[in-house]
N, C-alpha and C. Protein backbone atom coordinates (compact mmCIF):
# COMPACT_ATOMS: atom_id res chain seq x y z
N UNK A 1 0.54 -1.61 -0.15
CA UNK A 1 -0.13 -0.43 0.32
C UNK A 1 1.16 1.22 0.19
N UNK A 2 0.21 2.33 -1.07
CA UNK A 2 1.56 3.47 -0.94
C UNK A 2 0.77 4.19 -0.32
N UNK A 3 1.32 5.64 0.45
CA UNK A 3 0.56 6.48 1.24
C UNK A 3 1.69 7.72 0.43
N UNK A 4 1.19 8.92 0.23
CA UNK A 4 1.86 10.16 -0.12
C UNK A 4 1.53 10.83 0.90
N UNK A 5 2.29 11.75 1.61
CA UNK A 5 2.59 12.45 2.84
C UNK A 5 3.76 13.30 2.70
N UNK A 6 3.57 14.25 3.14
CA UNK A 6 4.79 15.47 3.25
C UNK A 6 5.89 14.71 4.64
N UNK A 7 5.55 14.13 5.49
CA UNK A 7 6.35 13.45 6.64
C UNK A 7 5.75 12.03 7.13
N UNK A 8 6.43 11.75 6.96
CA UNK A 8 6.28 10.27 7.60
C UNK A 8 7.04 9.96 9.12
N UNK A 9 6.26 9.62 9.45
CA UNK A 9 6.52 9.19 11.11
C UNK A 9 6.65 7.47 10.89
N UNK A 10 7.94 7.08 10.88
CA UNK A 10 7.75 5.47 11.18
C UNK A 10 7.80 5.16 12.97
N UNK A 11 6.94 4.19 13.25
CA UNK A 11 6.77 4.15 14.50
C UNK A 11 5.95 4.65 15.34
N UNK A 12 4.86 4.31 16.16
CA UNK A 12 4.17 4.88 16.80
C UNK A 12 4.25 4.92 18.44
N UNK A 13 5.69 5.08 18.47
CA UNK A 13 5.85 5.38 20.49
C UNK A 13 5.87 6.00 20.60
N UNK A 14 6.37 7.05 22.10
CA UNK A 14 6.46 7.70 22.89
C UNK A 14 7.36 9.24 21.72
N UNK A 15 8.14 8.59 20.75
CA UNK A 15 8.77 9.51 20.45
C UNK A 15 7.96 10.27 19.28
N UNK A 16 7.36 9.55 18.24
CA UNK A 16 5.74 9.87 17.38
C UNK A 16 5.49 10.85 18.39
N UNK A 17 4.77 10.44 19.59
CA UNK A 17 3.64 11.31 19.81
C UNK A 17 4.63 12.18 20.09
N UNK A 18 5.66 12.91 20.51
CA UNK A 18 6.36 13.99 20.77
C UNK A 18 6.68 14.60 19.20
N UNK A 19 6.46 14.28 18.04
CA UNK A 19 6.63 15.03 17.15
C UNK A 19 5.26 15.90 16.78
N UNK A 20 4.38 15.16 16.67
CA UNK A 20 3.00 15.29 16.37
C UNK A 20 2.50 16.17 17.76
N UNK A 21 2.82 15.97 18.76
CA UNK A 21 2.57 17.09 19.72
C UNK A 21 3.23 18.56 19.77
N UNK A 22 4.64 18.35 18.95
CA UNK A 22 5.44 19.60 18.85
C UNK A 22 4.55 20.34 17.93
N UNK A 23 4.19 19.66 16.56
CA UNK A 23 3.54 20.23 15.35
C UNK A 23 2.58 20.75 15.94
N UNK A 24 1.71 20.08 16.75
CA UNK A 24 0.42 20.89 16.82
C UNK A 24 0.31 21.81 17.72
N UNK A 25 1.48 21.52 18.57
CA UNK A 25 1.75 23.03 20.15
C UNK A 25 2.02 24.25 18.74
N UNK A 26 2.81 23.97 17.52
CA UNK A 26 3.43 25.45 17.15
C UNK A 26 1.71 25.16 15.99
N UNK A 27 1.52 24.89 15.28
CA UNK A 27 0.15 24.88 14.62
C UNK A 27 -1.19 25.98 15.96
N UNK A 28 -1.08 25.44 16.83
CA UNK A 28 -1.88 26.69 18.23
C UNK A 28 -1.59 27.74 18.86
N UNK A 29 -0.41 28.08 17.44
CA UNK A 29 0.37 29.32 18.46
C UNK A 29 1.49 29.49 19.51
N UNK A 30 1.38 28.61 19.68
CA UNK A 30 1.76 28.70 21.72
C UNK A 30 3.35 28.62 21.25
N UNK A 31 4.41 28.80 20.19
CA UNK A 31 5.57 28.60 19.47
C UNK A 31 5.93 30.38 19.34
N UNK A 32 6.71 31.44 20.35
CA UNK A 32 6.84 32.17 19.68
C UNK A 32 7.37 32.27 18.41
N UNK A 33 7.50 33.32 17.65
CA UNK A 33 8.29 33.06 16.23
C UNK A 33 7.60 31.84 15.38
N UNK A 34 6.72 30.86 15.79
CA UNK A 34 6.59 29.38 15.03
C UNK A 34 5.66 30.39 13.71
N UNK A 35 5.39 29.17 12.53
CA UNK A 35 4.93 28.99 11.62
C UNK A 35 3.60 28.03 11.99
N UNK A 36 2.52 28.90 12.54
CA UNK A 36 0.80 28.17 12.57
C UNK A 36 0.69 27.17 11.66
N UNK A 37 0.21 27.96 10.37
CA UNK A 37 -0.48 27.58 9.23
C UNK A 37 0.27 26.71 8.48
N UNK A 38 1.59 26.70 8.61
CA UNK A 38 2.61 25.94 8.05
C UNK A 38 2.61 24.22 8.88
N UNK A 39 2.79 24.78 10.33
CA UNK A 39 2.92 23.73 10.67
C UNK A 39 1.42 22.51 10.91
N UNK A 40 0.44 22.92 10.83
CA UNK A 40 -0.68 22.74 10.75
C UNK A 40 -1.22 22.03 9.25
N UNK A 41 -0.48 22.47 8.42
CA UNK A 41 -0.76 21.91 6.71
C UNK A 41 0.32 20.54 7.01
N UNK A 42 1.61 20.62 7.74
CA UNK A 42 2.38 20.18 7.66
C UNK A 42 1.69 18.61 8.34
N UNK A 43 1.15 19.00 9.99
CA UNK A 43 0.52 17.79 10.79
C UNK A 43 -0.75 17.20 9.50
N UNK A 44 -1.44 17.98 8.71
CA UNK A 44 -2.50 17.18 8.33
C UNK A 44 -1.92 16.39 7.22
N UNK A 45 -0.63 16.26 6.57
CA UNK A 45 0.26 15.73 5.48
C UNK A 45 0.97 14.68 5.83
N UNK A 46 0.71 14.45 7.38
CA UNK A 46 1.61 13.48 8.16
C UNK A 46 0.96 11.96 8.05
N UNK A 47 1.51 11.11 7.81
CA UNK A 47 1.29 9.70 8.09
C UNK A 47 2.31 8.61 8.71
N UNK A 48 1.46 8.20 9.39
CA UNK A 48 2.33 7.56 10.79
C UNK A 48 1.90 5.89 10.48
N UNK A 49 3.24 5.33 10.68
CA UNK A 49 3.67 3.88 10.03
C UNK A 49 3.99 3.27 11.10
N UNK A 50 3.30 2.20 11.59
CA UNK A 50 3.44 1.27 12.75
C UNK A 50 3.15 -0.09 12.38
N UNK A 51 3.91 -1.16 12.79
CA UNK A 51 3.18 -3.00 12.81
C UNK A 51 2.14 -2.56 13.59
N UNK A 52 2.06 -2.03 14.42
CA UNK A 52 1.06 -2.83 15.52
C UNK A 52 -0.32 -1.72 15.23
N UNK A 53 -0.29 -0.98 14.75
CA UNK A 53 -1.94 -0.26 13.82
C UNK A 53 -2.34 0.42 15.28
N UNK A 54 -1.73 0.77 16.21
CA UNK A 54 -2.11 2.19 17.56
C UNK A 54 -0.95 2.46 18.04
N UNK A 55 -1.27 3.95 18.35
CA UNK A 55 -0.27 4.88 18.67
C UNK A 55 -0.12 4.13 20.82
N UNK A 56 1.40 4.20 20.07
CA UNK A 56 1.93 3.29 21.86
C UNK A 56 1.34 2.16 21.93
N UNK A 57 1.17 1.24 20.45
CA UNK A 57 -0.01 -0.04 21.33
C UNK A 57 1.37 -0.95 21.48
N UNK A 58 2.71 -0.70 20.58
CA UNK A 58 3.77 -1.60 21.15
C UNK A 58 4.26 -1.36 21.94
N UNK A 59 4.38 -0.65 22.34
CA UNK A 59 5.20 0.24 23.89
C UNK A 59 4.20 -0.55 24.97
N UNK A 60 3.14 -0.10 25.01
CA UNK A 60 2.63 -1.10 25.75
C UNK A 60 2.66 -2.24 26.01
N UNK A 61 2.86 -2.74 25.18
CA UNK A 61 2.79 -4.38 24.69
C UNK A 61 3.67 -4.83 25.66
N UNK A 62 5.20 -4.25 25.16
CA UNK A 62 6.50 -4.25 25.69
C UNK A 62 6.58 -4.34 26.96
N UNK A 63 5.95 -3.17 27.58
CA UNK A 63 6.49 -2.44 28.70
C UNK A 63 6.14 -3.40 29.86
N UNK A 64 4.70 -4.16 29.29
CA UNK A 64 3.48 -4.77 30.38
C UNK A 64 4.61 -6.60 30.02
N UNK A 65 4.67 -6.37 29.20
CA UNK A 65 5.49 -7.86 28.99
C UNK A 65 6.73 -8.60 30.01
N UNK A 66 7.13 -7.21 30.17
CA UNK A 66 8.67 -7.03 30.73
C UNK A 66 8.56 -6.77 32.28
N UNK A 67 7.26 -6.29 33.04
CA UNK A 67 7.04 -6.23 33.82
C UNK A 67 8.03 -4.64 34.59
N UNK A 68 7.54 -3.85 33.46
CA UNK A 68 8.55 -2.29 33.94
C UNK A 68 7.32 -1.67 34.75
N UNK A 69 7.79 -1.61 36.10
CA UNK A 69 6.79 -0.72 37.12
C UNK A 69 7.55 1.22 37.02
N UNK A 70 8.47 0.91 36.52
CA UNK A 70 9.32 2.55 36.22
C UNK A 70 9.82 3.06 35.58
N UNK A 71 9.89 3.70 34.80
CA UNK A 71 11.20 4.28 33.73
C UNK A 71 12.18 4.58 34.00
N UNK A 72 13.08 3.76 33.51
CA UNK A 72 14.49 4.37 33.71
C UNK A 72 14.57 6.22 33.35
N UNK A 73 14.04 6.89 32.36
CA UNK A 73 14.21 8.18 31.84
C UNK A 73 13.15 9.28 32.73
N UNK A 74 13.91 10.13 33.23
CA UNK A 74 12.79 10.78 34.07
C UNK A 74 12.24 11.64 33.94
N UNK A 75 11.54 12.57 34.54
CA UNK A 75 9.56 13.12 33.80
C UNK A 75 10.26 13.87 33.00
N UNK A 76 11.28 14.76 33.10
CA UNK A 76 11.12 15.66 32.00
C UNK A 76 11.47 15.13 30.42
N UNK A 77 11.49 14.19 30.60
CA UNK A 77 12.00 12.89 29.20
C UNK A 77 10.48 12.61 28.64
N UNK A 78 9.67 13.55 28.14
CA UNK A 78 8.31 13.33 27.87
C UNK A 78 8.32 13.65 26.47
N UNK A 79 6.97 13.03 26.02
CA UNK A 79 5.93 13.41 24.92
C UNK A 79 5.85 14.05 24.56
N UNK A 80 5.97 15.94 24.91
CA UNK A 80 4.79 16.79 25.14
C UNK A 80 5.92 18.15 24.48
N UNK A 81 5.63 19.35 23.89
CA UNK A 81 6.56 19.96 23.20
C UNK A 81 6.60 21.10 23.80
N UNK A 82 6.67 20.85 25.49
CA UNK A 82 7.41 21.65 26.71
C UNK A 82 8.66 21.32 26.50
N UNK A 83 9.49 22.77 26.55
CA UNK A 83 11.10 22.32 26.71
C UNK A 83 11.56 22.64 28.03
N UNK A 84 10.89 22.73 29.20
CA UNK A 84 10.92 23.26 30.45
C UNK A 84 11.51 21.93 31.32
N UNK A 85 12.04 21.35 31.86
CA UNK A 85 12.48 20.64 33.03
C UNK A 85 12.03 20.27 33.89
N UNK A 86 11.72 18.90 33.77
CA UNK A 86 10.45 18.46 35.01
C UNK A 86 9.57 18.94 34.93
N UNK A 87 8.73 19.66 33.58
CA UNK A 87 7.76 20.53 33.62
C UNK A 87 6.10 20.14 33.32
N UNK A 88 5.91 19.13 32.24
CA UNK A 88 4.45 18.95 32.23
C UNK A 88 3.80 17.61 32.85
N UNK A 89 5.13 16.48 32.91
CA UNK A 89 4.92 15.23 33.59
C UNK A 89 4.66 15.66 35.01
N UNK A 90 5.69 16.06 35.38
CA UNK A 90 6.01 16.23 37.00
C UNK A 90 5.02 16.96 37.30
N UNK A 91 3.85 18.45 36.28
CA UNK A 91 3.00 18.77 36.76
C UNK A 91 1.98 17.56 36.85
N UNK A 92 1.37 16.75 35.82
CA UNK A 92 0.46 16.57 35.83
C UNK A 92 0.06 15.43 36.50
N UNK A 93 1.61 15.00 37.04
CA UNK A 93 1.49 13.42 38.23
C UNK A 93 1.10 14.58 39.92
N UNK A 94 1.61 15.88 40.13
CA UNK A 94 1.55 16.19 41.27
C UNK A 94 -0.87 16.89 41.06
N UNK A 95 -0.93 17.18 40.05
CA UNK A 95 -2.28 17.78 39.61
C UNK A 95 -3.25 16.20 39.99
N UNK A 96 -2.65 15.66 39.45
CA UNK A 96 -3.62 14.23 39.95
C UNK A 96 -3.39 13.34 41.30
N UNK A 97 -2.78 14.26 42.25
CA UNK A 97 -2.56 13.61 43.35
C UNK A 97 -1.47 12.36 43.50
N UNK A 98 -0.54 11.67 42.19
CA UNK A 98 0.09 10.81 41.84
C UNK A 98 1.41 10.91 41.91
N UNK A 99 1.73 11.73 43.38
CA UNK A 99 3.59 11.89 43.11
C UNK A 99 4.27 10.20 43.71
N UNK A 100 2.90 9.62 44.37
CA UNK A 100 3.67 8.23 44.76
C UNK A 100 4.26 7.92 43.71
N UNK A 101 3.66 8.21 42.74
CA UNK A 101 4.15 7.67 41.45
C UNK A 101 5.83 7.82 40.97
N UNK A 102 6.02 8.57 41.79
CA UNK A 102 7.78 9.31 41.28
C UNK A 102 8.79 8.37 41.13
N UNK A 103 9.87 7.65 41.42
CA UNK A 103 10.84 7.85 41.88
C UNK A 103 11.87 8.70 41.83
N UNK A 104 12.35 9.10 43.29
CA UNK A 104 13.11 9.78 42.91
C UNK A 104 14.54 9.37 42.25
N UNK A 105 15.24 10.00 41.65
CA UNK A 105 16.78 9.78 41.00
C UNK A 105 17.40 10.40 41.56
N UNK A 106 18.52 10.64 42.60
CA UNK A 106 19.15 11.69 43.12
C UNK A 106 20.33 11.46 42.67
N UNK A 107 20.86 9.93 42.19
CA UNK A 107 22.48 9.85 41.54
C UNK A 107 21.98 10.74 39.64
N UNK A 108 21.32 10.49 39.18
CA UNK A 108 21.02 10.92 37.88
C UNK A 108 21.47 12.92 37.70
N UNK A 109 20.57 13.06 38.62
CA UNK A 109 21.16 14.73 38.88
C UNK A 109 21.63 14.93 39.14
N UNK A 110 22.73 14.91 40.09
CA UNK A 110 23.81 15.09 40.13
C UNK A 110 23.44 16.29 41.26
N UNK A 111 22.38 16.36 42.01
CA UNK A 111 22.05 17.33 42.87
C UNK A 111 20.90 16.83 43.87
N UNK A 112 21.35 16.13 44.90
CA UNK A 112 20.55 15.20 45.51
C UNK A 112 19.39 15.63 46.00
N UNK A 113 19.55 17.33 46.54
CA UNK A 113 18.70 17.83 47.18
C UNK A 113 17.23 18.36 46.16
N UNK A 114 18.01 18.25 44.82
CA UNK A 114 16.87 18.31 43.75
C UNK A 114 16.94 17.14 42.22
N UNK A 115 16.27 15.89 43.31
CA UNK A 115 16.50 14.94 42.70
C UNK A 115 15.67 14.82 40.98
N UNK A 116 16.31 14.30 40.13
CA UNK A 116 15.07 14.01 39.06
C UNK A 116 14.41 12.83 39.52
N UNK A 117 13.38 12.86 38.75
CA UNK A 117 12.57 11.43 39.19
C UNK A 117 11.54 10.91 37.73
N UNK A 118 11.89 9.30 38.18
CA UNK A 118 11.37 7.97 37.09
C UNK A 118 9.64 7.86 37.18
N UNK A 119 8.91 8.40 36.37
CA UNK A 119 7.51 8.08 36.60
C UNK A 119 7.22 6.43 36.59
N UNK A 120 6.24 6.02 36.84
CA UNK A 120 5.77 4.53 37.26
C UNK A 120 5.42 4.31 35.55
N UNK A 121 5.70 3.24 34.98
CA UNK A 121 4.81 3.30 33.76
C UNK A 121 3.47 3.27 33.65
N UNK A 122 2.75 3.70 34.38
CA UNK A 122 1.40 3.76 34.43
C UNK A 122 1.06 5.42 34.06
N UNK A 123 1.78 5.90 35.55
CA UNK A 123 1.46 7.41 35.37
C UNK A 123 2.30 8.00 33.58
N UNK A 124 3.06 7.49 33.26
CA UNK A 124 3.45 7.56 31.83
C UNK A 124 2.38 7.51 31.15
N UNK A 125 1.72 6.22 30.98
CA UNK A 125 0.76 6.12 30.48
C UNK A 125 -0.68 7.06 29.93
N UNK A 126 -0.98 6.86 31.25
CA UNK A 126 -1.86 8.11 31.64
C UNK A 126 -1.61 9.62 30.80
N UNK A 127 -0.44 9.93 31.16
CA UNK A 127 0.16 10.82 30.62
C UNK A 127 0.25 11.27 29.26
N UNK A 128 0.88 10.27 28.26
CA UNK A 128 0.68 9.87 27.02
C UNK A 128 -1.18 9.75 26.54
N UNK A 129 -1.84 9.23 27.12
CA UNK A 129 -3.29 8.88 26.84
C UNK A 129 -3.81 10.67 26.93
N UNK A 130 -3.24 11.33 28.04
CA UNK A 130 -4.04 12.93 27.90
C UNK A 130 -3.34 13.57 26.99
N UNK A 131 -2.07 13.18 26.92
CA UNK A 131 -1.56 14.25 25.44
C UNK A 131 -2.23 13.84 23.98
N UNK A 132 -2.09 12.70 24.18
CA UNK A 132 -2.97 11.88 22.91
C UNK A 132 -4.30 12.79 22.78
N UNK A 133 -5.04 12.80 23.60
CA UNK A 133 -6.54 13.21 23.24
C UNK A 133 -6.29 14.70 23.16
N UNK A 134 -5.26 15.32 23.94
CA UNK A 134 -5.40 17.27 23.60
C UNK A 134 -4.28 16.99 22.14
N UNK A 135 -3.94 16.14 21.01
CA UNK A 135 -3.78 15.80 19.95
C UNK A 135 -4.63 15.72 19.12
N UNK A 136 -5.23 15.18 19.19
CA UNK A 136 -6.79 14.43 18.60
C UNK A 136 -7.87 15.76 18.46
N UNK A 137 -7.46 16.63 19.73
CA UNK A 137 -8.76 17.96 19.73
C UNK A 137 -8.03 18.82 18.11
N UNK A 138 -6.63 18.99 18.21
CA UNK A 138 -6.06 19.57 16.88
C UNK A 138 -6.24 19.24 16.23
N UNK A 139 -5.89 17.65 15.74
CA UNK A 139 -6.27 17.11 14.76
C UNK A 139 -6.85 15.98 14.50
N UNK A 140 -8.40 16.09 14.58
CA UNK A 140 -9.01 14.85 15.11
C UNK A 140 -9.26 13.94 13.44
N UNK A 141 -8.78 13.95 12.38
CA UNK A 141 -8.19 12.76 11.68
C UNK A 141 -6.56 11.79 11.20
N UNK A 142 -5.88 12.48 12.53
CA UNK A 142 -4.83 11.75 13.04
C UNK A 142 -4.80 10.29 13.19
N UNK A 143 -5.94 9.81 13.83
CA UNK A 143 -5.81 8.16 13.45
C UNK A 143 -6.04 7.78 12.13
N UNK A 144 -6.95 8.83 11.59
CA UNK A 144 -7.16 7.89 9.80
C UNK A 144 -6.13 7.51 9.05
N UNK A 145 -4.80 8.25 9.12
CA UNK A 145 -3.66 8.61 8.85
C UNK A 145 -2.63 7.40 9.49
N UNK A 146 -3.23 6.98 10.81
CA UNK A 146 -2.20 6.11 11.65
C UNK A 146 -2.21 4.54 10.38
N UNK A 147 -1.22 4.39 10.02
CA UNK A 147 -1.31 3.38 8.83
C UNK A 147 -0.50 1.61 10.01
N UNK A 148 -1.52 0.43 9.70
CA UNK A 148 -0.94 -0.18 10.66
C UNK A 148 0.45 -1.10 9.12
N UNK A 149 1.69 -1.45 9.20
CA UNK A 149 2.39 -1.58 8.40
C UNK A 149 3.75 -1.53 8.82
N UNK A 150 4.56 -1.67 7.55
CA UNK A 150 6.35 -1.77 7.56
C UNK A 150 6.15 -0.52 6.43
N UNK A 151 7.45 0.07 6.70
CA UNK A 151 8.21 0.66 5.67
C UNK A 151 9.05 0.46 5.02
N UNK A 152 8.63 -0.41 3.86
CA UNK A 152 9.94 -0.85 2.66
C UNK A 152 10.73 -0.29 2.16
N UNK A 153 9.82 1.01 1.62
CA UNK A 153 11.03 1.74 0.73
C UNK A 153 10.23 3.26 0.91
N UNK A 154 11.01 4.30 0.53
CA UNK A 154 10.57 5.73 0.48
C UNK A 154 10.79 5.87 -0.43
N UNK A 155 9.98 6.38 -1.60
CA UNK A 155 10.41 7.52 -2.71
C UNK A 155 10.08 8.94 -2.83
N UNK A 156 10.98 9.99 -2.78
CA UNK A 156 10.89 11.32 -2.65
C UNK A 156 9.49 11.54 -3.99
């Protein structure tokens, strides 16, 4: 099956969600000096290709099968357009009274008094689901452009 697209995202995990969210964030005018119309146009001509056929489906299945309770990456490594350290995911945990699902990583941050935090898999998944719902409001046809398949060739 051939799909024409301006942008093809191969894989539908958290990194794909981050790219899509960044485009939507710019399209909504949140980025100073951005080009909202160009970002919205590019988002509308984006196709996502993943063998699982669902956003985050393979990621969820792999983490579930391994019994991972907490991610190794800190909360600021999240699929959101915000660039602020420990911003959106940490705020999400606090807003939903889920701070107990954060595991301090003082050895990673270099400052034991202000440790980074690793989210639980469930907290991260819920954050991603909320982010995806926000993205779907900006681009309601997004799921229609998610293709279950594998990329075997890219022709310019």
